[in-house]
Amino acid sequence: MSLPLRLFFVAAAVELTGVALAWHPLQWIAKPLLAPLLLWYLYRQAGMSLIGWGLVFAFAGDVALLVPGLVPFLLGMACFLGTQICFLLAFRRRAPLLLPAAIGYGVLWAALNVLLWPSLGALRIPILVYSLALSAMAAAAAGVSRTVAAGAALFLLSDLLIGLGAADLDFAGRDLIVMTTYIAALLLITTGSAPRPAAPATLTQPAPHRSPQPDARP
């Protein structure tokens, strides 16, 4: 395992510990490291890409969401909108859109917005727009690979749980599940988007040269 990924797992463990203990200093230390460490890993594999720019937006969103209040929440949502757009464009370049995935995520987007709409208040329109980009990203990821599709689905689940909190539908352990699914989502999308190392070429051994045998017949 490469150094950036090892450090990512350390930062993820520290972040989840901070969330579980509701200890904000740990979260301030670890959360801003998550996306940059994955960006480091990805950059070493293939240089800068749309996935990399998505991670830059994710870093900005993570920092914004560490600050309580409505304005930082909206700023964080705007940053993650940039993440979803970058991921969406990257996935659409790599694979065609699968119609069943587009229909499924579209129905899910409509149903969830209808259900949460009465409870979202001033966040209705921002969440409507953001969740549309998020659902489109998840639908586009379905055609890339199983790893990327799973990461996108976890990203949607993580943000859905944030939306439930915005609608005052909270439950015990929600914050920990939000961060666990988010961390897994970033990891799967990043590693699933990195180019695979080329297999070493196998050298074909030439057939041994046979010298002509003398005719043994008299």
N, C-alpha and C. Protein backbone atom coordinates (compact mmCIF):
# COMPACT_ATOMS: atom_id res chain seq x y z
N MET A 1 0.85 -1.20 0.00
CA MET A 1 0.00 0.00 0.00
C MET A 1 0.88 1.25 0.00
N SER A 2 0.51 2.22 -0.80
CA SER A 2 1.32 3.43 -0.93
C SER A 2 1.23 4.28 0.33
N LEU A 3 2.22 5.17 0.50
CA LEU A 3 2.26 6.04 1.68
C LEU A 3 1.02 6.93 1.79
N PRO A 4 0.54 7.57 0.70
CA PRO A 4 -0.66 8.41 0.84
C PRO A 4 -1.86 7.64 1.36
N LEU A 5 -2.05 6.40 0.91
CA LEU A 5 -3.20 5.62 1.39
C LEU A 5 -3.03 5.21 2.84
N ARG A 6 -1.79 4.88 3.24
CA ARG A 6 -1.57 4.54 4.66
C ARG A 6 -1.90 5.75 5.54
N LEU A 7 -1.44 6.92 5.13
CA LEU A 7 -1.74 8.12 5.90
C LEU A 7 -3.23 8.44 5.88
N PHE A 8 -3.88 8.15 4.76
CA PHE A 8 -5.33 8.37 4.67
C PHE A 8 -6.06 7.52 5.70
N PHE A 9 -5.69 6.27 5.84
CA PHE A 9 -6.37 5.41 6.81
C PHE A 9 -6.12 5.88 8.24
N VAL A 10 -4.93 6.41 8.50
CA VAL A 10 -4.66 6.97 9.83
C VAL A 10 -5.55 8.18 10.08
N ALA A 11 -5.61 9.10 9.09
CA ALA A 11 -6.45 10.29 9.23
C ALA A 11 -7.92 9.90 9.38
N ALA A 12 -8.36 8.88 8.64
CA ALA A 12 -9.76 8.43 8.73
C ALA A 12 -10.05 7.89 10.13
N ALA A 13 -9.13 7.13 10.70
CA ALA A 13 -9.33 6.59 12.04
C ALA A 13 -9.41 7.71 13.07
N VAL A 14 -8.54 8.71 12.93
CA VAL A 14 -8.56 9.84 13.87
C VAL A 14 -9.87 10.61 13.72
N GLU A 15 -10.30 10.84 12.48
CA GLU A 15 -11.55 11.57 12.25
C GLU A 15 -12.75 10.84 12.83
N LEU A 16 -12.85 9.55 12.60
CA LEU A 16 -13.99 8.80 13.11
C LEU A 16 -13.96 8.74 14.64
N THR A 17 -12.77 8.68 15.23
CA THR A 17 -12.66 8.74 16.68
C THR A 17 -13.17 10.08 17.20
N GLY A 18 -12.78 11.15 16.52
CA GLY A 18 -13.25 12.48 16.92
C GLY A 18 -14.75 12.61 16.81
N VAL A 19 -15.34 12.04 15.76
CA VAL A 19 -16.80 12.09 15.61
C VAL A 19 -17.48 11.27 16.69
N ALA A 20 -16.97 10.05 16.93
CA ALA A 20 -17.58 9.17 17.92
C ALA A 20 -17.54 9.78 19.32
N LEU A 21 -16.46 10.48 19.63
CA LEU A 21 -16.31 11.09 20.96
C LEU A 21 -16.81 12.52 21.00
N ALA A 22 -17.29 13.03 19.84
CA ALA A 22 -17.72 14.43 19.74
C ALA A 22 -16.63 15.38 20.21
N TRP A 23 -15.38 15.06 19.83
CA TRP A 23 -14.23 15.87 20.19
C TRP A 23 -13.78 16.63 18.95
N HIS A 24 -14.13 17.88 18.88
CA HIS A 24 -13.92 18.68 17.68
C HIS A 24 -12.46 18.94 17.34
N PRO A 25 -11.54 19.08 18.32
CA PRO A 25 -10.13 19.27 17.92
C PRO A 25 -9.60 18.15 17.04
N LEU A 26 -9.97 16.90 17.33
CA LEU A 26 -9.53 15.79 16.48
C LEU A 26 -10.09 15.93 15.07
N GLN A 27 -11.35 16.36 14.97
CA GLN A 27 -11.96 16.52 13.65
C GLN A 27 -11.29 17.65 12.87
N TRP A 28 -10.93 18.73 13.55
CA TRP A 28 -10.25 19.84 12.87
C TRP A 28 -8.89 19.41 12.36
N ILE A 29 -8.25 18.49 13.06
CA ILE A 29 -6.94 18.00 12.63
C ILE A 29 -7.06 17.03 11.46
N ALA A 30 -7.99 16.08 11.56
CA ALA A 30 -8.01 14.96 10.63
C ALA A 30 -8.86 15.19 9.39
N LYS A 31 -10.02 15.80 9.53
CA LYS A 31 -10.94 15.90 8.39
C LYS A 31 -10.34 16.65 7.20
N PRO A 32 -9.63 17.78 7.42
CA PRO A 32 -9.06 18.48 6.27
C PRO A 32 -7.95 17.71 5.56
N LEU A 33 -7.49 16.59 6.15
CA LEU A 33 -6.42 15.80 5.53
C LEU A 33 -6.96 14.73 4.57
N LEU A 34 -8.23 14.39 4.69
CA LEU A 34 -8.76 13.23 3.96
C LEU A 34 -8.64 13.40 2.45
N ALA A 35 -9.26 14.43 1.91
CA ALA A 35 -9.25 14.63 0.47
C ALA A 35 -7.83 14.93 -0.06
N PRO A 36 -7.01 15.77 0.60
CA PRO A 36 -5.66 16.00 0.09
C PRO A 36 -4.80 14.74 0.01
N LEU A 37 -4.95 13.84 0.97
CA LEU A 37 -4.16 12.60 0.93
C LEU A 37 -4.58 11.73 -0.25
N LEU A 38 -5.87 11.68 -0.53
CA LEU A 38 -6.33 10.94 -1.71
C LEU A 38 -5.89 11.63 -2.99
N LEU A 39 -5.87 12.96 -2.98
CA LEU A 39 -5.39 13.70 -4.14
C LEU A 39 -3.91 13.40 -4.38
N TRP A 40 -3.14 13.32 -3.32
CA TRP A 40 -1.72 12.97 -3.43
C TRP A 40 -1.57 11.59 -4.07
N TYR A 41 -2.35 10.63 -3.57
CA TYR A 41 -2.31 9.28 -4.13
C TYR A 41 -2.66 9.30 -5.62
N LEU A 42 -3.74 9.98 -5.97
CA LEU A 42 -4.20 10.00 -7.36
C LEU A 42 -3.21 10.73 -8.25
N TYR A 43 -2.64 11.82 -7.76
CA TYR A 43 -1.70 12.61 -8.57
C TYR A 43 -0.45 11.78 -8.88
N ARG A 44 -0.02 10.98 -7.93
CA ARG A 44 1.14 10.12 -8.18
C ARG A 44 0.84 9.08 -9.25
N GLN A 45 -0.42 8.68 -9.36
CA GLN A 45 -0.80 7.65 -10.33
C GLN A 45 -0.96 8.23 -11.73
N ALA A 46 -1.61 9.40 -11.84
CA ALA A 46 -2.01 9.87 -13.17
C ALA A 46 -1.95 11.38 -13.33
N GLY A 47 -1.36 12.12 -12.41
CA GLY A 47 -1.37 13.57 -12.53
C GLY A 47 -2.73 14.14 -12.17
N MET A 48 -2.92 15.41 -12.48
CA MET A 48 -4.18 16.08 -12.14
C MET A 48 -5.27 15.68 -13.13
N SER A 49 -6.49 15.53 -12.61
CA SER A 49 -7.62 15.09 -13.43
C SER A 49 -8.89 15.70 -12.86
N LEU A 50 -10.01 15.42 -13.51
CA LEU A 50 -11.29 15.89 -12.99
C LEU A 50 -11.59 15.30 -11.61
N ILE A 51 -11.23 14.06 -11.40
CA ILE A 51 -11.41 13.47 -10.07
C ILE A 51 -10.57 14.24 -9.06
N GLY A 52 -9.36 14.60 -9.45
CA GLY A 52 -8.51 15.38 -8.56
C GLY A 52 -9.11 16.73 -8.22
N TRP A 53 -9.67 17.41 -9.21
CA TRP A 53 -10.33 18.69 -8.92
C TRP A 53 -11.55 18.49 -8.04
N GLY A 54 -12.24 17.37 -8.22
CA GLY A 54 -13.36 17.07 -7.32
C GLY A 54 -12.90 16.94 -5.88
N LEU A 55 -11.72 16.35 -5.68
CA LEU A 55 -11.16 16.23 -4.33
C LEU A 55 -10.76 17.59 -3.77
N VAL A 56 -10.31 18.50 -4.63
CA VAL A 56 -9.99 19.86 -4.18
C VAL A 56 -11.26 20.53 -3.64
N PHE A 57 -12.35 20.42 -4.38
CA PHE A 57 -13.63 20.97 -3.90
C PHE A 57 -14.08 20.28 -2.61
N ALA A 58 -13.85 18.96 -2.51
CA ALA A 58 -14.24 18.23 -1.30
C ALA A 58 -13.45 18.73 -0.09
N PHE A 59 -12.16 19.01 -0.29
CA PHE A 59 -11.36 19.58 0.80
C PHE A 59 -11.95 20.90 1.29
N ALA A 60 -12.30 21.77 0.34
CA ALA A 60 -12.88 23.07 0.72
C ALA A 60 -14.22 22.87 1.43
N GLY A 61 -15.02 21.92 0.95
CA GLY A 61 -16.30 21.64 1.60
C GLY A 61 -16.13 21.09 3.00
N ASP A 62 -15.15 20.21 3.18
CA ASP A 62 -14.90 19.64 4.51
C ASP A 62 -14.54 20.73 5.51
N VAL A 63 -13.70 21.65 5.09
CA VAL A 63 -13.30 22.74 5.99
C VAL A 63 -14.49 23.62 6.32
N ALA A 64 -15.29 23.96 5.30
CA ALA A 64 -16.45 24.82 5.54
C ALA A 64 -17.43 24.19 6.51
N LEU A 65 -17.64 22.87 6.38
CA LEU A 65 -18.64 22.20 7.22
C LEU A 65 -18.16 21.97 8.64
N LEU A 66 -16.89 22.23 8.91
CA LEU A 66 -16.42 22.16 10.30
C LEU A 66 -16.93 23.34 11.11
N VAL A 67 -17.35 24.40 10.43
CA VAL A 67 -17.83 25.60 11.11
C VAL A 67 -19.34 25.52 11.23
N PRO A 68 -19.89 25.66 12.43
CA PRO A 68 -21.35 25.59 12.58
C PRO A 68 -22.03 26.82 11.99
N GLY A 69 -23.29 26.64 11.62
CA GLY A 69 -24.07 27.77 11.12
C GLY A 69 -24.59 27.53 9.72
N LEU A 70 -25.59 28.31 9.32
CA LEU A 70 -26.24 28.15 8.02
C LEU A 70 -25.34 28.57 6.88
N VAL A 71 -24.64 29.70 7.03
CA VAL A 71 -23.79 30.19 5.94
C VAL A 71 -22.66 29.21 5.62
N PRO A 72 -21.91 28.70 6.62
CA PRO A 72 -20.90 27.69 6.30
C PRO A 72 -21.50 26.42 5.69
N PHE A 73 -22.71 26.06 6.13
CA PHE A 73 -23.37 24.88 5.56
C PHE A 73 -23.64 25.08 4.07
N LEU A 74 -24.16 26.26 3.70
CA LEU A 74 -24.43 26.56 2.30
C LEU A 74 -23.13 26.65 1.50
N LEU A 75 -22.08 27.21 2.10
CA LEU A 75 -20.80 27.28 1.43
C LEU A 75 -20.23 25.88 1.19
N GLY A 76 -20.35 25.03 2.21
CA GLY A 76 -19.91 23.65 2.05
C GLY A 76 -20.69 22.91 0.98
N MET A 77 -21.99 23.15 0.92
CA MET A 77 -22.81 22.52 -0.11
C MET A 77 -22.38 22.99 -1.50
N ALA A 78 -22.06 24.28 -1.63
CA ALA A 78 -21.60 24.81 -2.92
C ALA A 78 -20.28 24.16 -3.33
N CYS A 79 -19.39 23.96 -2.37
CA CYS A 79 -18.11 23.30 -2.68
C CYS A 79 -18.35 21.86 -3.13
N PHE A 80 -19.21 21.16 -2.43
CA PHE A 80 -19.48 19.77 -2.82
C PHE A 80 -20.28 19.68 -4.11
N LEU A 81 -21.01 20.73 -4.46
CA LEU A 81 -21.62 20.77 -5.78
C LEU A 81 -20.53 20.74 -6.85
N GLY A 82 -19.44 21.48 -6.60
CA GLY A 82 -18.30 21.41 -7.51
C GLY A 82 -17.72 20.01 -7.58
N THR A 83 -17.66 19.32 -6.43
CA THR A 83 -17.18 17.94 -6.42
C THR A 83 -18.05 17.05 -7.31
N GLN A 84 -19.38 17.16 -7.15
CA GLN A 84 -20.28 16.30 -7.91
C GLN A 84 -20.18 16.58 -9.41
N ILE A 85 -20.03 17.84 -9.78
CA ILE A 85 -19.93 18.18 -11.20
C ILE A 85 -18.63 17.63 -11.79
N CYS A 86 -17.53 17.77 -11.07
CA CYS A 86 -16.25 17.21 -11.55
C CYS A 86 -16.33 15.69 -11.69
N PHE A 87 -16.88 15.01 -10.68
CA PHE A 87 -17.01 13.57 -10.76
C PHE A 87 -17.94 13.16 -11.91
N LEU A 88 -19.05 13.87 -12.05
CA LEU A 88 -20.00 13.56 -13.12
C LEU A 88 -19.33 13.66 -14.50
N LEU A 89 -18.61 14.73 -14.74
CA LEU A 89 -17.94 14.90 -16.02
C LEU A 89 -16.88 13.82 -16.25
N ALA A 90 -16.16 13.47 -15.19
CA ALA A 90 -15.14 12.43 -15.32
C ALA A 90 -15.77 11.08 -15.66
N PHE A 91 -16.87 10.74 -15.01
CA PHE A 91 -17.51 9.45 -15.26
C PHE A 91 -18.13 9.39 -16.65
N ARG A 92 -18.71 10.50 -17.09
CA ARG A 92 -19.33 10.51 -18.41
C ARG A 92 -18.28 10.38 -19.52
N ARG A 93 -17.05 10.81 -19.24
CA ARG A 93 -15.98 10.62 -20.22
C ARG A 93 -15.55 9.17 -20.30
N ARG A 94 -15.71 8.44 -19.21
CA ARG A 94 -15.19 7.08 -19.16
C ARG A 94 -16.19 6.02 -19.58
N ALA A 95 -17.49 6.29 -19.45
CA ALA A 95 -18.48 5.25 -19.71
C ALA A 95 -19.79 5.87 -20.13
N PRO A 96 -20.58 5.15 -20.92
CA PRO A 96 -21.91 5.65 -21.29
C PRO A 96 -22.86 5.59 -20.10
N LEU A 97 -23.87 6.41 -20.14
CA LEU A 97 -24.86 6.44 -19.07
C LEU A 97 -25.78 5.22 -19.21
N LEU A 98 -25.93 4.48 -18.12
CA LEU A 98 -26.81 3.31 -18.13
C LEU A 98 -28.24 3.76 -17.82
N LEU A 99 -29.16 3.43 -18.72
CA LEU A 99 -30.54 3.90 -18.56
C LEU A 99 -31.18 3.43 -17.25
N PRO A 100 -31.05 2.15 -16.85
CA PRO A 100 -31.65 1.74 -15.57
C PRO A 100 -31.12 2.55 -14.39
N ALA A 101 -29.82 2.84 -14.39
CA ALA A 101 -29.25 3.64 -13.29
C ALA A 101 -29.81 5.06 -13.31
N ALA A 102 -29.93 5.64 -14.51
CA ALA A 102 -30.46 7.00 -14.62
C ALA A 102 -31.90 7.06 -14.12
N ILE A 103 -32.70 6.07 -14.50
CA ILE A 103 -34.10 6.05 -14.06
C ILE A 103 -34.18 5.82 -12.55
N GLY A 104 -33.42 4.86 -12.06
CA GLY A 104 -33.47 4.54 -10.63
C GLY A 104 -33.06 5.70 -9.75
N TYR A 105 -31.95 6.33 -10.07
CA TYR A 105 -31.50 7.46 -9.27
C TYR A 105 -32.41 8.68 -9.46
N GLY A 106 -32.98 8.82 -10.66
CA GLY A 106 -33.91 9.91 -10.87
C GLY A 106 -35.17 9.77 -10.03
N VAL A 107 -35.71 8.56 -9.97
CA VAL A 107 -36.89 8.31 -9.14
C VAL A 107 -36.56 8.53 -7.67
N LEU A 108 -35.38 8.05 -7.25
CA LEU A 108 -34.97 8.23 -5.86
C LEU A 108 -34.84 9.71 -5.52
N TRP A 109 -34.22 10.49 -6.42
CA TRP A 109 -34.07 11.93 -6.20
C TRP A 109 -35.43 12.60 -6.03
N ALA A 110 -36.37 12.28 -6.92
CA ALA A 110 -37.69 12.91 -6.85
C ALA A 110 -38.42 12.51 -5.58
N ALA A 111 -38.38 11.24 -5.23
CA ALA A 111 -39.11 10.75 -4.06
C ALA A 111 -38.57 11.37 -2.77
N LEU A 112 -37.25 11.42 -2.64
CA LEU A 112 -36.67 11.97 -1.41
C LEU A 112 -36.95 13.45 -1.27
N ASN A 113 -36.90 14.19 -2.37
CA ASN A 113 -37.18 15.62 -2.28
C ASN A 113 -38.64 15.88 -1.95
N VAL A 114 -39.54 15.05 -2.47
CA VAL A 114 -40.96 15.19 -2.13
C VAL A 114 -41.17 14.92 -0.64
N LEU A 115 -40.51 13.88 -0.13
CA LEU A 115 -40.70 13.51 1.27
C LEU A 115 -40.11 14.55 2.23
N LEU A 116 -38.93 15.09 1.88
CA LEU A 116 -38.25 16.01 2.80
C LEU A 116 -38.64 17.47 2.60
N TRP A 117 -39.27 17.79 1.48
CA TRP A 117 -39.56 19.18 1.13
C TRP A 117 -40.25 19.96 2.25
N PRO A 118 -41.29 19.42 2.89
CA PRO A 118 -41.99 20.21 3.92
C PRO A 118 -41.12 20.57 5.12
N SER A 119 -40.03 19.80 5.35
CA SER A 119 -39.22 20.01 6.55
C SER A 119 -37.93 20.77 6.30
N LEU A 120 -37.63 21.13 5.06
CA LEU A 120 -36.33 21.71 4.74
C LEU A 120 -36.30 23.23 4.84
N GLY A 121 -37.44 23.88 4.80
CA GLY A 121 -37.48 25.33 4.96
C GLY A 121 -36.65 26.06 3.92
N ALA A 122 -35.74 26.94 4.38
CA ALA A 122 -34.94 27.75 3.47
C ALA A 122 -33.94 26.94 2.66
N LEU A 123 -33.71 25.69 3.06
CA LEU A 123 -32.74 24.84 2.35
C LEU A 123 -33.38 24.08 1.19
N ARG A 124 -34.65 24.28 0.93
CA ARG A 124 -35.33 23.47 -0.09
C ARG A 124 -34.65 23.56 -1.45
N ILE A 125 -34.49 24.78 -1.96
CA ILE A 125 -33.94 24.95 -3.31
C ILE A 125 -32.47 24.53 -3.36
N PRO A 126 -31.61 24.95 -2.41
CA PRO A 126 -30.22 24.48 -2.46
C PRO A 126 -30.11 22.95 -2.44
N ILE A 127 -30.90 22.30 -1.59
CA ILE A 127 -30.83 20.84 -1.53
C ILE A 127 -31.40 20.22 -2.79
N LEU A 128 -32.43 20.80 -3.36
CA LEU A 128 -33.00 20.30 -4.61
C LEU A 128 -31.94 20.29 -5.72
N VAL A 129 -31.22 21.40 -5.85
CA VAL A 129 -30.21 21.52 -6.90
C VAL A 129 -29.03 20.60 -6.61
N TYR A 130 -28.54 20.63 -5.36
CA TYR A 130 -27.38 19.80 -5.03
C TYR A 130 -27.69 18.32 -5.19
N SER A 131 -28.84 17.89 -4.70
CA SER A 131 -29.18 16.48 -4.77
C SER A 131 -29.38 16.01 -6.21
N LEU A 132 -29.78 16.92 -7.10
CA LEU A 132 -29.89 16.55 -8.51
C LEU A 132 -28.51 16.25 -9.09
N ALA A 133 -27.53 17.10 -8.79
CA ALA A 133 -26.16 16.85 -9.26
C ALA A 133 -25.60 15.58 -8.63
N LEU A 134 -25.88 15.37 -7.36
CA LEU A 134 -25.41 14.17 -6.66
C LEU A 134 -26.00 12.91 -7.29
N SER A 135 -27.30 12.92 -7.58
CA SER A 135 -27.96 11.76 -8.17
C SER A 135 -27.44 11.50 -9.58
N ALA A 136 -27.21 12.58 -10.34
CA ALA A 136 -26.67 12.42 -11.69
C ALA A 136 -25.26 11.83 -11.63
N MET A 137 -24.45 12.26 -10.67
CA MET A 137 -23.11 11.70 -10.50
C MET A 137 -23.18 10.21 -10.19
N ALA A 138 -24.08 9.83 -9.28
CA ALA A 138 -24.20 8.41 -8.92
C ALA A 138 -24.66 7.58 -10.11
N ALA A 139 -25.58 8.12 -10.90
CA ALA A 139 -26.06 7.40 -12.08
C ALA A 139 -24.93 7.23 -13.09
N ALA A 140 -24.13 8.27 -13.29
CA ALA A 140 -23.02 8.18 -14.23
C ALA A 140 -21.96 7.20 -13.76
N ALA A 141 -21.76 7.09 -12.45
CA ALA A 141 -20.75 6.19 -11.91
C ALA A 141 -21.10 4.72 -12.14
N ALA A 142 -22.38 4.41 -12.31
CA ALA A 142 -22.81 3.02 -12.43
C ALA A 142 -22.19 2.34 -13.64
N GLY A 143 -21.87 3.10 -14.69
CA GLY A 143 -21.29 2.50 -15.88
C GLY A 143 -19.78 2.42 -15.88
N VAL A 144 -19.12 2.96 -14.85
CA VAL A 144 -17.66 3.00 -14.83
C VAL A 144 -17.08 1.69 -14.32
N SER A 145 -17.40 1.33 -13.11
CA SER A 145 -16.94 0.08 -12.51
C SER A 145 -17.74 -0.16 -11.23
N ARG A 146 -17.66 -1.38 -10.72
CA ARG A 146 -18.36 -1.67 -9.47
C ARG A 146 -17.80 -0.86 -8.31
N THR A 147 -16.49 -0.68 -8.29
CA THR A 147 -15.87 0.07 -7.21
C THR A 147 -16.34 1.52 -7.21
N VAL A 148 -16.29 2.15 -8.37
CA VAL A 148 -16.71 3.54 -8.47
C VAL A 148 -18.21 3.68 -8.21
N ALA A 149 -19.00 2.74 -8.72
CA ALA A 149 -20.45 2.79 -8.49
C ALA A 149 -20.78 2.66 -7.01
N ALA A 150 -20.07 1.78 -6.31
CA ALA A 150 -20.30 1.63 -4.87
C ALA A 150 -19.91 2.90 -4.13
N GLY A 151 -18.80 3.51 -4.52
CA GLY A 151 -18.39 4.76 -3.88
C GLY A 151 -19.40 5.86 -4.09
N ALA A 152 -19.94 5.97 -5.30
CA ALA A 152 -20.93 7.01 -5.58
C ALA A 152 -22.21 6.77 -4.79
N ALA A 153 -22.63 5.51 -4.69
CA ALA A 153 -23.83 5.19 -3.91
C ALA A 153 -23.64 5.54 -2.44
N LEU A 154 -22.44 5.29 -1.91
CA LEU A 154 -22.16 5.64 -0.51
C LEU A 154 -22.12 7.15 -0.33
N PHE A 155 -21.63 7.86 -1.33
CA PHE A 155 -21.62 9.33 -1.26
C PHE A 155 -23.06 9.83 -1.16
N LEU A 156 -23.93 9.28 -1.98
CA LEU A 156 -25.34 9.68 -1.94
C LEU A 156 -25.96 9.36 -0.58
N LEU A 157 -25.65 8.17 -0.05
CA LEU A 157 -26.19 7.79 1.26
C LEU A 157 -25.70 8.74 2.34
N SER A 158 -24.41 9.08 2.31
CA SER A 158 -23.85 9.99 3.31
C SER A 158 -24.56 11.34 3.28
N ASP A 159 -24.75 11.88 2.07
CA ASP A 159 -25.40 13.18 1.97
C ASP A 159 -26.90 13.10 2.26
N LEU A 160 -27.51 11.96 1.98
CA LEU A 160 -28.91 11.78 2.37
C LEU A 160 -29.06 11.88 3.88
N LEU A 161 -28.12 11.29 4.61
CA LEU A 161 -28.18 11.35 6.07
C LEU A 161 -27.97 12.78 6.57
N ILE A 162 -27.13 13.55 5.85
CA ILE A 162 -27.00 14.97 6.20
C ILE A 162 -28.31 15.69 5.95
N GLY A 163 -28.97 15.34 4.83
CA GLY A 163 -30.27 15.94 4.53
C GLY A 163 -31.32 15.62 5.57
N LEU A 164 -31.27 14.41 6.12
CA LEU A 164 -32.21 14.07 7.19
C LEU A 164 -31.98 14.94 8.41
N GLY A 165 -30.71 15.21 8.70
CA GLY A 165 -30.43 16.11 9.82
C GLY A 165 -30.93 17.51 9.56
N ALA A 166 -30.78 17.99 8.30
CA ALA A 166 -31.30 19.31 7.95
C ALA A 166 -32.81 19.38 8.07
N ALA A 167 -33.47 18.23 7.91
CA ALA A 167 -34.93 18.17 8.03
C ALA A 167 -35.36 17.83 9.45
N ASP A 168 -34.42 17.90 10.41
CA ASP A 168 -34.70 17.61 11.82
C ASP A 168 -35.15 16.18 12.03
N LEU A 169 -34.62 15.26 11.23
CA LEU A 169 -34.90 13.84 11.38
C LEU A 169 -33.62 13.16 11.84
N ASP A 170 -33.26 13.38 13.08
CA ASP A 170 -31.99 12.91 13.60
C ASP A 170 -32.18 11.57 14.31
N PHE A 171 -31.06 10.86 14.50
CA PHE A 171 -31.07 9.61 15.27
C PHE A 171 -29.67 9.37 15.79
N ALA A 172 -29.57 8.52 16.78
CA ALA A 172 -28.28 8.27 17.43
C ALA A 172 -27.30 7.65 16.43
N GLY A 173 -26.09 8.16 16.43
CA GLY A 173 -25.05 7.61 15.57
C GLY A 173 -25.07 8.13 14.15
N ARG A 174 -25.95 9.07 13.84
CA ARG A 174 -26.06 9.54 12.45
C ARG A 174 -24.75 10.17 11.98
N ASP A 175 -24.14 11.03 12.81
CA ASP A 175 -22.91 11.71 12.40
C ASP A 175 -21.80 10.71 12.09
N LEU A 176 -21.71 9.65 12.89
CA LEU A 176 -20.67 8.65 12.67
C LEU A 176 -20.92 7.90 11.36
N ILE A 177 -22.17 7.58 11.07
CA ILE A 177 -22.49 6.90 9.81
C ILE A 177 -22.22 7.83 8.62
N VAL A 178 -22.55 9.12 8.78
CA VAL A 178 -22.28 10.09 7.73
C VAL A 178 -20.80 10.09 7.36
N MET A 179 -19.93 10.17 8.36
CA MET A 179 -18.50 10.25 8.07
C MET A 179 -17.95 8.92 7.58
N THR A 180 -18.44 7.82 8.12
CA THR A 180 -17.95 6.51 7.67
C THR A 180 -18.27 6.28 6.20
N THR A 181 -19.51 6.57 5.80
CA THR A 181 -19.89 6.37 4.41
C THR A 181 -19.19 7.38 3.49
N TYR A 182 -18.98 8.58 3.98
CA TYR A 182 -18.28 9.60 3.17
C TYR A 182 -16.83 9.20 2.94
N ILE A 183 -16.16 8.77 3.99
CA ILE A 183 -14.76 8.35 3.86
C ILE A 183 -14.65 7.17 2.90
N ALA A 184 -15.53 6.19 3.06
CA ALA A 184 -15.52 5.04 2.15
C ALA A 184 -15.81 5.47 0.71
N ALA A 185 -16.72 6.42 0.54
CA ALA A 185 -17.07 6.89 -0.80
C ALA A 185 -15.86 7.53 -1.49
N LEU A 186 -15.18 8.44 -0.81
CA LEU A 186 -14.02 9.08 -1.40
C LEU A 186 -12.93 8.07 -1.74
N LEU A 187 -12.72 7.11 -0.85
CA LEU A 187 -11.69 6.10 -1.08
C LEU A 187 -12.01 5.25 -2.30
N LEU A 188 -13.25 4.77 -2.39
CA LEU A 188 -13.62 3.90 -3.51
C LEU A 188 -13.61 4.65 -4.84
N ILE A 189 -14.11 5.88 -4.85
CA ILE A 189 -14.12 6.65 -6.10
C ILE A 189 -12.69 6.95 -6.55
N THR A 190 -11.82 7.32 -5.61
CA THR A 190 -10.45 7.66 -5.97
C THR A 190 -9.68 6.45 -6.45
N THR A 191 -9.69 5.38 -5.67
CA THR A 191 -8.92 4.20 -6.06
C THR A 191 -9.52 3.54 -7.30
N GLY A 192 -10.84 3.60 -7.43
CA GLY A 192 -11.47 3.03 -8.62
C GLY A 192 -11.22 3.83 -9.87
N SER A 193 -10.86 5.11 -9.71
CA SER A 193 -10.59 5.97 -10.86
C SER A 193 -9.12 6.02 -11.23
N ALA A 194 -8.25 5.57 -10.33
CA ALA A 194 -6.82 5.59 -10.62
C ALA A 194 -6.49 4.54 -11.67
N PRO A 195 -5.57 4.84 -12.57
CA PRO A 195 -5.20 3.84 -13.58
C PRO A 195 -4.52 2.65 -12.93
N ARG A 196 -4.81 1.49 -13.47
CA ARG A 196 -4.16 0.29 -12.95
C ARG A 196 -2.73 0.22 -13.48
N PRO A 197 -1.81 -0.24 -12.62
CA PRO A 197 -0.43 -0.38 -13.10
C PRO A 197 -0.35 -1.40 -14.22
N ALA A 198 0.46 -1.08 -15.20
CA ALA A 198 0.59 -1.98 -16.34
C ALA A 198 1.24 -3.28 -15.92
N ALA A 199 0.72 -4.38 -16.43
CA ALA A 199 1.30 -5.68 -16.13
C ALA A 199 2.66 -5.80 -16.80
N PRO A 200 3.64 -6.38 -16.10
CA PRO A 200 4.96 -6.51 -16.73
C PRO A 200 4.89 -7.38 -17.97
N ALA A 201 5.59 -6.95 -18.99
CA ALA A 201 5.57 -7.72 -20.23
C ALA A 201 6.30 -9.04 -20.04
N THR A 202 5.74 -10.09 -20.58
CA THR A 202 6.37 -11.41 -20.49
C THR A 202 7.22 -11.63 -21.73
N LEU A 203 8.45 -12.05 -21.50
CA LEU A 203 9.36 -12.31 -22.61
C LEU A 203 9.13 -13.71 -23.13
N THR A 204 8.94 -13.82 -24.41
CA THR A 204 8.77 -15.12 -25.03
C THR A 204 10.13 -15.70 -25.36
N GLN A 205 10.41 -16.84 -24.79
CA GLN A 205 11.69 -17.49 -25.04
C GLN A 205 11.71 -18.08 -26.44
N PRO A 206 12.73 -17.77 -27.22
CA PRO A 206 12.79 -18.36 -28.56
C PRO A 206 13.00 -19.87 -28.49
N ALA A 207 12.44 -20.52 -29.45
CA ALA A 207 12.61 -21.99 -29.50
C ALA A 207 14.08 -22.32 -29.67
N PRO A 208 14.56 -23.35 -28.96
CA PRO A 208 15.99 -23.70 -29.09
C PRO A 208 16.33 -24.07 -30.53
N HIS A 209 17.51 -23.60 -30.96
CA HIS A 209 17.94 -23.89 -32.32
C HIS A 209 18.40 -25.34 -32.42
N ARG A 210 17.90 -26.00 -33.38
CA ARG A 210 18.29 -27.40 -33.59
C ARG A 210 19.18 -27.50 -34.83
N SER A 211 20.32 -28.03 -34.62
CA SER A 211 21.20 -28.25 -35.78
C SER A 211 20.73 -29.47 -36.54
N PRO A 212 20.85 -29.46 -37.84
CA PRO A 212 20.40 -30.62 -38.62
C PRO A 212 21.14 -31.87 -38.23
N GLN A 213 20.38 -32.94 -38.09
CA GLN A 213 20.97 -34.24 -37.72
C GLN A 213 21.41 -34.97 -38.99
N PRO A 214 22.55 -35.61 -38.89
CA PRO A 214 23.00 -36.39 -40.04
C PRO A 214 22.04 -37.54 -40.32
N ASP A 215 21.89 -37.86 -41.56
CA ASP A 215 21.02 -38.97 -41.95
C ASP A 215 21.63 -40.27 -41.49
N ALA A 216 20.91 -40.98 -40.59
CA ALA A 216 21.46 -42.22 -40.04
C ALA A 216 21.27 -43.41 -40.97
N ARG A 217 20.52 -43.20 -42.04
CA ARG A 217 20.32 -44.34 -42.94
C ARG A 217 21.57 -44.58 -43.76
N PRO A 218 21.86 -45.83 -44.06
CA PRO A 218 23.02 -46.12 -44.90
C PRO A 218 22.84 -45.60 -46.31
